[in-house]
Amino acid sequence: MLDEQYYTIEEVAKILKVVYLTVYRWIQSGKLVAYKAGKQYRIKKSDIDRFIERQS
């Protein structure tokens, strides 16, 4: 679990080829799990993978 990789909203947006606001809306609606670190969000790679699987 210590080796889990985390991404920022900007990085996730680049990976999924969408804009920042789209990823932010997914987080706000609960479609994508994210963790707040101070004022920024962090998203686990496993949560991104799970999100992609559900969308397919």
PDB file of N, CA and C in Angstrom:
ATOM      1  N   MET A   1       0.819  -1.197   0.000  1.00  0.00           N
ATOM      2  CA  MET A   1       0.000   0.000   0.000  1.00  0.00           C
ATOM      3  C   MET A   1       0.865   1.265   0.000  1.00  0.00           C
ATOM      4  N   LEU A   2       2.064   1.159   0.533  1.00  0.00           N
ATOM      5  CA  LEU A   2       2.955   2.308   0.526  1.00  0.00           C
ATOM      6  C   LEU A   2       3.448   2.645  -0.867  1.00  0.00           C
ATOM      7  N   ASP A   3       3.396   1.671  -1.774  1.00  0.00           N
ATOM      8  CA  ASP A   3       3.862   1.897  -3.133  1.00  0.00           C
ATOM      9  C   ASP A   3       2.779   2.461  -4.042  1.00  0.00           C
ATOM     10  N   GLU A   4       1.606   2.739  -3.489  1.00  0.00           N
ATOM     11  CA  GLU A   4       0.492   3.273  -4.282  1.00  0.00           C
ATOM     12  C   GLU A   4       0.893   4.615  -4.879  1.00  0.00           C
ATOM     13  N   GLN A   5       0.578   4.798  -6.159  1.00  0.00           N
ATOM     14  CA  GLN A   5       0.908   6.036  -6.847  1.00  0.00           C
ATOM     15  C   GLN A   5      -0.302   6.963  -6.827  1.00  0.00           C
ATOM     16  N   TYR A   6      -0.055   8.244  -6.553  1.00  0.00           N
ATOM     17  CA  TYR A   6      -1.108   9.248  -6.493  1.00  0.00           C
ATOM     18  C   TYR A   6      -0.885  10.286  -7.583  1.00  0.00           C
ATOM     19  N   TYR A   7      -1.999  10.818  -8.103  1.00  0.00           N
ATOM     20  CA  TYR A   7      -1.948  11.825  -9.159  1.00  0.00           C
ATOM     21  C   TYR A   7      -2.741  13.057  -8.742  1.00  0.00           C
ATOM     22  N   THR A   8      -2.372  14.194  -9.325  1.00  0.00           N
ATOM     23  CA  THR A   8      -3.150  15.416  -9.132  1.00  0.00           C
ATOM     24  C   THR A   8      -4.290  15.420 -10.148  1.00  0.00           C
ATOM     25  N   ILE A   9      -5.218  16.341  -9.979  1.00  0.00           N
ATOM     26  CA  ILE A   9      -6.319  16.463 -10.939  1.00  0.00           C
ATOM     27  C   ILE A   9      -5.768  16.768 -12.334  1.00  0.00           C
ATOM     28  N   GLU A  10      -4.755  17.623 -12.401  1.00  0.00           N
ATOM     29  CA  GLU A  10      -4.164  17.969 -13.696  1.00  0.00           C
ATOM     30  C   GLU A  10      -3.571  16.744 -14.386  1.00  0.00           C
ATOM     31  N   GLU A  11      -2.885  15.902 -13.627  1.00  0.00           N
ATOM     32  CA  GLU A  11      -2.278  14.701 -14.196  1.00  0.00           C
ATOM     33  C   GLU A  11      -3.344  13.721 -14.685  1.00  0.00           C
ATOM     34  N   VAL A  12      -4.412  13.567 -13.900  1.00  0.00           N
ATOM     35  CA  VAL A  12      -5.502  12.675 -14.297  1.00  0.00           C
ATOM     36  C   VAL A  12      -6.165  13.202 -15.562  1.00  0.00           C
ATOM     37  N   ALA A  13      -6.346  14.505 -15.643  1.00  0.00           N
ATOM     38  CA  ALA A  13      -6.945  15.108 -16.839  1.00  0.00           C
ATOM     39  C   ALA A  13      -6.092  14.816 -18.074  1.00  0.00           C
ATOM     40  N   LYS A  14      -4.776  14.901 -17.943  1.00  0.00           N
ATOM     41  CA  LYS A  14      -3.890  14.587 -19.071  1.00  0.00           C
ATOM     42  C   LYS A  14      -3.977  13.119 -19.447  1.00  0.00           C
ATOM     43  N   ILE A  15      -3.980  12.239 -18.446  1.00  0.00           N
ATOM     44  CA  ILE A  15      -4.045  10.796 -18.699  1.00  0.00           C
ATOM     45  C   ILE A  15      -5.326  10.441 -19.443  1.00  0.00           C
ATOM     46  N   LEU A  16      -6.451  10.994 -18.983  1.00  0.00           N
ATOM     47  CA  LEU A  16      -7.751  10.664 -19.563  1.00  0.00           C
ATOM     48  C   LEU A  16      -8.130  11.561 -20.740  1.00  0.00           C
ATOM     49  N   LYS A  17      -7.280  12.531 -21.044  1.00  0.00           N
ATOM     50  CA  LYS A  17      -7.482  13.461 -22.159  1.00  0.00           C
ATOM     51  C   LYS A  17      -8.802  14.212 -22.056  1.00  0.00           C
ATOM     52  N   VAL A  18      -9.016  14.785 -20.866  1.00  0.00           N
ATOM     53  CA  VAL A  18     -10.159  15.653 -20.616  1.00  0.00           C
ATOM     54  C   VAL A  18      -9.628  16.913 -19.934  1.00  0.00           C
ATOM     55  N   VAL A  19     -10.491  17.889 -19.751  1.00  0.00           N
ATOM     56  CA  VAL A  19     -10.051  19.117 -19.091  1.00  0.00           C
ATOM     57  C   VAL A  19     -10.133  18.956 -17.571  1.00  0.00           C
ATOM     58  N   TYR A  20      -9.406  19.815 -16.879  1.00  0.00           N
ATOM     59  CA  TYR A  20      -9.331  19.811 -15.417  1.00  0.00           C
ATOM     60  C   TYR A  20     -10.725  19.818 -14.779  1.00  0.00           C
ATOM     61  N   LEU A  21     -11.592  20.669 -15.277  1.00  0.00           N
ATOM     62  CA  LEU A  21     -12.915  20.833 -14.690  1.00  0.00           C
ATOM     63  C   LEU A  21     -13.751  19.558 -14.768  1.00  0.00           C
ATOM     64  N   THR A  22     -13.581  18.778 -15.805  1.00  0.00           N
ATOM     65  CA  THR A  22     -14.304  17.507 -15.936  1.00  0.00           C
ATOM     66  C   THR A  22     -13.916  16.564 -14.806  1.00  0.00           C
ATOM     67  N   VAL A  23     -12.624  16.438 -14.545  1.00  0.00           N
ATOM     68  CA  VAL A  23     -12.147  15.570 -13.460  1.00  0.00           C
ATOM     69  C   VAL A  23     -12.656  16.091 -12.124  1.00  0.00           C
ATOM     70  N   TYR A  24     -12.615  17.402 -11.925  1.00  0.00           N
ATOM     71  CA  TYR A  24     -13.105  18.009 -10.690  1.00  0.00           C
ATOM     72  C   TYR A  24     -14.588  17.692 -10.485  1.00  0.00           C
ATOM     73  N   ARG A  25     -15.373  17.771 -11.538  1.00  0.00           N
ATOM     74  CA  ARG A  25     -16.813  17.464 -11.443  1.00  0.00           C
ATOM     75  C   ARG A  25     -17.050  15.995 -11.112  1.00  0.00           C
ATOM     76  N   TRP A  26     -16.234  15.097 -11.689  1.00  0.00           N
ATOM     77  CA  TRP A  26     -16.356  13.675 -11.364  1.00  0.00           C
ATOM     78  C   TRP A  26     -16.102  13.451  -9.880  1.00  0.00           C
ATOM     79  N   ILE A  27     -15.124  14.159  -9.336  1.00  0.00           N
ATOM     80  CA  ILE A  27     -14.805  14.039  -7.906  1.00  0.00           C
ATOM     81  C   ILE A  27     -15.972  14.566  -7.071  1.00  0.00           C
ATOM     82  N   GLN A  28     -16.483  15.735  -7.422  1.00  0.00           N
ATOM     83  CA  GLN A  28     -17.577  16.339  -6.670  1.00  0.00           C
ATOM     84  C   GLN A  28     -18.846  15.491  -6.703  1.00  0.00           C
ATOM     85  N   SER A  29     -19.081  14.797  -7.814  1.00  0.00           N
ATOM     86  CA  SER A  29     -20.290  13.981  -7.939  1.00  0.00           C
ATOM     87  C   SER A  29     -20.126  12.588  -7.336  1.00  0.00           C
ATOM     88  N   GLY A  30     -18.882  12.240  -6.946  1.00  0.00           N
ATOM     89  CA  GLY A  30     -18.629  10.943  -6.349  1.00  0.00           C
ATOM     90  C   GLY A  30     -18.311   9.847  -7.358  1.00  0.00           C
ATOM     91  N   LYS A  31     -18.216  10.190  -8.628  1.00  0.00           N
ATOM     92  CA  LYS A  31     -17.895   9.189  -9.652  1.00  0.00           C
ATOM     93  C   LYS A  31     -16.436   8.752  -9.576  1.00  0.00           C
ATOM     94  N   LEU A  32     -15.562   9.662  -9.130  1.00  0.00           N
ATOM     95  CA  LEU A  32     -14.140   9.378  -9.007  1.00  0.00           C
ATOM     96  C   LEU A  32     -13.720   9.670  -7.569  1.00  0.00           C
ATOM     97  N   VAL A  33     -13.092   8.694  -6.942  1.00  0.00           N
ATOM     98  CA  VAL A  33     -12.651   8.850  -5.550  1.00  0.00           C
ATOM     99  C   VAL A  33     -11.365   9.660  -5.517  1.00  0.00           C
ATOM    100  N   ALA A  34     -11.314  10.652  -4.630  1.00  0.00           N
ATOM    101  CA  ALA A  34     -10.113  11.468  -4.472  1.00  0.00           C
ATOM    102  C   ALA A  34      -9.925  11.784  -2.996  1.00  0.00           C
ATOM    103  N   TYR A  35      -8.699  12.065  -2.635  1.00  0.00           N
ATOM    104  CA  TYR A  35      -8.355  12.381  -1.253  1.00  0.00           C
ATOM    105  C   TYR A  35      -7.815  13.796  -1.215  1.00  0.00           C
ATOM    106  N   LYS A  36      -8.254  14.558  -0.230  1.00  0.00           N
ATOM    107  CA  LYS A  36      -7.829  15.943  -0.133  1.00  0.00           C
ATOM    108  C   LYS A  36      -6.556  16.029   0.706  1.00  0.00           C
ATOM    109  N   ALA A  37      -5.535  16.644   0.150  1.00  0.00           N
ATOM    110  CA  ALA A  37      -4.271  16.876   0.845  1.00  0.00           C
ATOM    111  C   ALA A  37      -4.083  18.380   0.924  1.00  0.00           C
ATOM    112  N   GLY A  38      -4.478  18.951   2.034  1.00  0.00           N
ATOM    113  CA  GLY A  38      -4.464  20.409   2.141  1.00  0.00           C
ATOM    114  C   GLY A  38      -5.564  20.975   1.274  1.00  0.00           C
ATOM    115  N   LYS A  39      -5.188  21.789   0.306  1.00  0.00           N
ATOM    116  CA  LYS A  39      -6.169  22.372  -0.615  1.00  0.00           C
ATOM    117  C   LYS A  39      -6.224  21.627  -1.945  1.00  0.00           C
ATOM    118  N   GLN A  40      -5.391  20.605  -2.093  1.00  0.00           N
ATOM    119  CA  GLN A  40      -5.329  19.895  -3.357  1.00  0.00           C
ATOM    120  C   GLN A  40      -5.901  18.486  -3.224  1.00  0.00           C
ATOM    121  N   TYR A  41      -6.361  17.964  -4.340  1.00  0.00           N
ATOM    122  CA  TYR A  41      -6.855  16.592  -4.385  1.00  0.00           C
ATOM    123  C   TYR A  41      -5.767  15.670  -4.907  1.00  0.00           C
ATOM    124  N   ARG A  42      -5.777  14.435  -4.402  1.00  0.00           N
ATOM    125  CA  ARG A  42      -4.895  13.385  -4.900  1.00  0.00           C
ATOM    126  C   ARG A  42      -5.765  12.181  -5.238  1.00  0.00           C
ATOM    127  N   ILE A  43      -5.469  11.543  -6.368  1.00  0.00           N
ATOM    128  CA  ILE A  43      -6.257  10.404  -6.833  1.00  0.00           C
ATOM    129  C   ILE A  43      -5.321   9.213  -6.985  1.00  0.00           C
ATOM    130  N   LYS A  44      -5.704   8.076  -6.379  1.00  0.00           N
ATOM    131  CA  LYS A  44      -4.900   6.859  -6.480  1.00  0.00           C
ATOM    132  C   LYS A  44      -5.015   6.269  -7.879  1.00  0.00           C
ATOM    133  N   LYS A  45      -3.937   5.651  -8.335  1.00  0.00           N
ATOM    134  CA  LYS A  45      -3.948   4.984  -9.638  1.00  0.00           C
ATOM    135  C   LYS A  45      -5.004   3.891  -9.668  1.00  0.00           C
ATOM    136  N   SER A  46      -5.151   3.148  -8.586  1.00  0.00           N
ATOM    137  CA  SER A  46      -6.150   2.073  -8.540  1.00  0.00           C
ATOM    138  C   SER A  46      -7.566   2.632  -8.660  1.00  0.00           C
ATOM    139  N   ASP A  47      -7.811   3.824  -8.117  1.00  0.00           N
ATOM    140  CA  ASP A  47      -9.132   4.453  -8.241  1.00  0.00           C
ATOM    141  C   ASP A  47      -9.382   4.925  -9.671  1.00  0.00           C
ATOM    142  N   ILE A  48      -8.338   5.384 -10.341  1.00  0.00           N
ATOM    143  CA  ILE A  48      -8.468   5.778 -11.751  1.00  0.00           C
ATOM    144  C   ILE A  48      -8.809   4.550 -12.588  1.00  0.00           C
ATOM    145  N   ASP A  49      -8.083   3.456 -12.346  1.00  0.00           N
ATOM    146  CA  ASP A  49      -8.338   2.211 -13.084  1.00  0.00           C
ATOM    147  C   ASP A  49      -9.766   1.718 -12.861  1.00  0.00           C
ATOM    148  N   ARG A  50     -10.227   1.765 -11.630  1.00  0.00           N
ATOM    149  CA  ARG A  50     -11.593   1.338 -11.301  1.00  0.00           C
ATOM    150  C   ARG A  50     -12.614   2.230 -11.997  1.00  0.00           C
ATOM    151  N   PHE A  51     -12.367   3.525 -12.026  1.00  0.00           N
ATOM    152  CA  PHE A  51     -13.251   4.484 -12.695  1.00  0.00           C
ATOM    153  C   PHE A  51     -13.347   4.164 -14.189  1.00  0.00           C
ATOM    154  N   ILE A  52     -12.203   3.896 -14.812  1.00  0.00           N
ATOM    155  CA  ILE A  52     -12.187   3.584 -16.248  1.00  0.00           C
ATOM    156  C   ILE A  52     -12.965   2.311 -16.530  1.00  0.00           C
ATOM    157  N   GLU A  53     -12.798   1.292 -15.692  1.00  0.00           N
ATOM    158  CA  GLU A  53     -13.513   0.039 -15.870  1.00  0.00           C
ATOM    159  C   GLU A  53     -15.026   0.231 -15.799  1.00  0.00           C
ATOM    160  N   ARG A  54     -15.470   1.051 -14.862  1.00  0.00           N
ATOM    161  CA  ARG A  54     -16.910   1.298 -14.701  1.00  0.00           C
ATOM    162  C   ARG A  54     -17.493   2.067 -15.874  1.00  0.00           C
ATOM    163  N   GLN A  55     -16.674   2.894 -16.529  1.00  0.00           N
ATOM    164  CA  GLN A  55     -17.164   3.698 -17.640  1.00  0.00           C
ATOM    165  C   GLN A  55     -17.240   2.914 -18.943  1.00  0.00           C
ATOM    166  N   SER A  56     -16.532   1.797 -18.996  1.00  0.00           N
ATOM    167  CA  SER A  56     -16.510   1.002 -20.243  1.00  0.00           C
ATOM    168  C   SER A  56     -17.785   0.229 -20.443  1.00  0.00           C
TER     169      SER A  56
END
